[in-house]
Amino acid sequence: MENEKINTSSNSKRDAWEDVVDYGKEHPIEENNLVETTDSSELAQKKQEEIEQTAKKVKELYRKGKYDRMVRSAVDEIKTDLRDDNVAVYRRKQIKSQPGAFRKAIRLVGDKLNLSTRKSRERRRGEAIYIALTEYEEEKKQKKAIEEQERSESLKRAAEQEKRLSEWRAKDEAERLQRDEEAANKAFSEAMDNYYYNTYKGRFERQRAQELFERELNSRLLKTEDLDAEAYSGNPMVERSLVSFEDTEIPVYSLKGIPFSILSTTIDFKADKTQGAETAREVMKDPSVWMMSREEVKKDDNFGAVNNMKSKGDTISCSYYTSSERNIDNYIPGELVYGFENVGADSVIQAYNGDGMTGNMIGQRETRLSDAGALQRLTELTVHYNEVVLRRYDENGNPKLPNYIVVRNGKISDVSIRHAKYFNIPIVNIDRSAYRETE
């Protein structure tokens, strides 16, 4: 500021004069204080020196920036109180026009001589308020710009992170797809191997096991013609008798120690079950229901139904038991038991050492036998019963018919006699007391 020239324009001079006038209004000169004086040359010289000395001091203060420091102090004080909720109040008090260099100098003189007026101080505060508001708004803009920049940088970083994450996900997805493709190729290869095995080698092996199982089973099963021959030959372990029913005499063969192997199914086993109970009771009442062909049964809406009281199927669940002390009682007892003395080719689907939990429609499947030796294991079974699953219908859709009715200890019920008469078959009675008790 040392080289700054004092502005002596008319406006600055007028503003300075207004300060002087303001001071005069606040400090009026009383009339009785006026004293006529006659300045001597010495007094004039002294005043001139004082004026020059004051001007010199003011110039020095102006050069050192004292005025600007005073303004800065006022501005800082105002800014400490500025808030968004009181800006409007300060804005009404601001004075936008700022003093020139000449007015600043005059104000320094007034301050030096303690001649500042109230109006001058208010004006200077209004000017300081304007500066404070200007800086306040500018700082807000700068802060907002910084926040916007930081937000932009944050969004940029987030975008870069999302890009890296997307690239990682894409890479991970590509690797997953590759693994899935490799797994699918492996599964397909294994499936083809299994298909080949099941279609060719596996099927051949199962069919061979089925053939051997059925041949061995047929060679063991009890046959009524053999019983008839033994009875006529006088074998004491077989006793033949007749039981009259209506206009028919039905043969009864009582087994009293002769070895036997029986394959049977208990009709009333499901009479009190959830699935097929009504169908079982229908067969008990009317044996002709058993005689229905597959085509006739298929017309029934309950054919193949699950957990249905009237459901019907194409499967016969049988028990295989012998006179052996180990499994003579391994069958399902009941009031009506059908016995079979042979099975046809491709009849046995599976054999289980216990309950196979079979459905009523597995008779349409291919055989699942894999070992012809399963028959011997059924003989050695010691649990409550086993299960041999047969097809109910042959290749022409005709049902498998019983060859005899099985009873125990001479307990021949009316339903057993009626079914024996209907099918024109004998009754086989197992005299349990003639065989050793199972251990």
Foldseek 3Di string as FASTA:
>chain_A
DLPDDADPDPVLVVVLVVQVVLLCVVPPDDPVVDDDDDDDPVNVVVVVVVVVVLLVVLSVCVVVPVLVVVLVVLLVVVLVVDDPVCLVVLVVQADCDDHGRNNSSSVSSCVVVVRGHPVNVSNSSNPSSNVSSVVVVVVVVVVVVVVVVVVVVVVVVVVVVVVVVVVVVVVVVVVVVVVVVVVVVVVVVVVVVVCCCVVPVVLVLLLVLLVLLQVVLLVAADDVVVLVVCCVVPPPQWHWDWDDDDPDTFIEIEGQQDKHKWKKAALCPCCPPQDQNVVSVVCLVPVVSLFDFPVVLVVDPQDQPPSHNNHAAFKTKIFIEILDLQGNQAGDDDQWMFIASHADRQWWQDKFLADPPDGRYCLVPGHPDNHSCVVVVSHNRRDNTIITMTGQADPVRGGDDGQEIEEEPPPHDPSRVVSCVVVVHHYYYYDPVSGDHRD
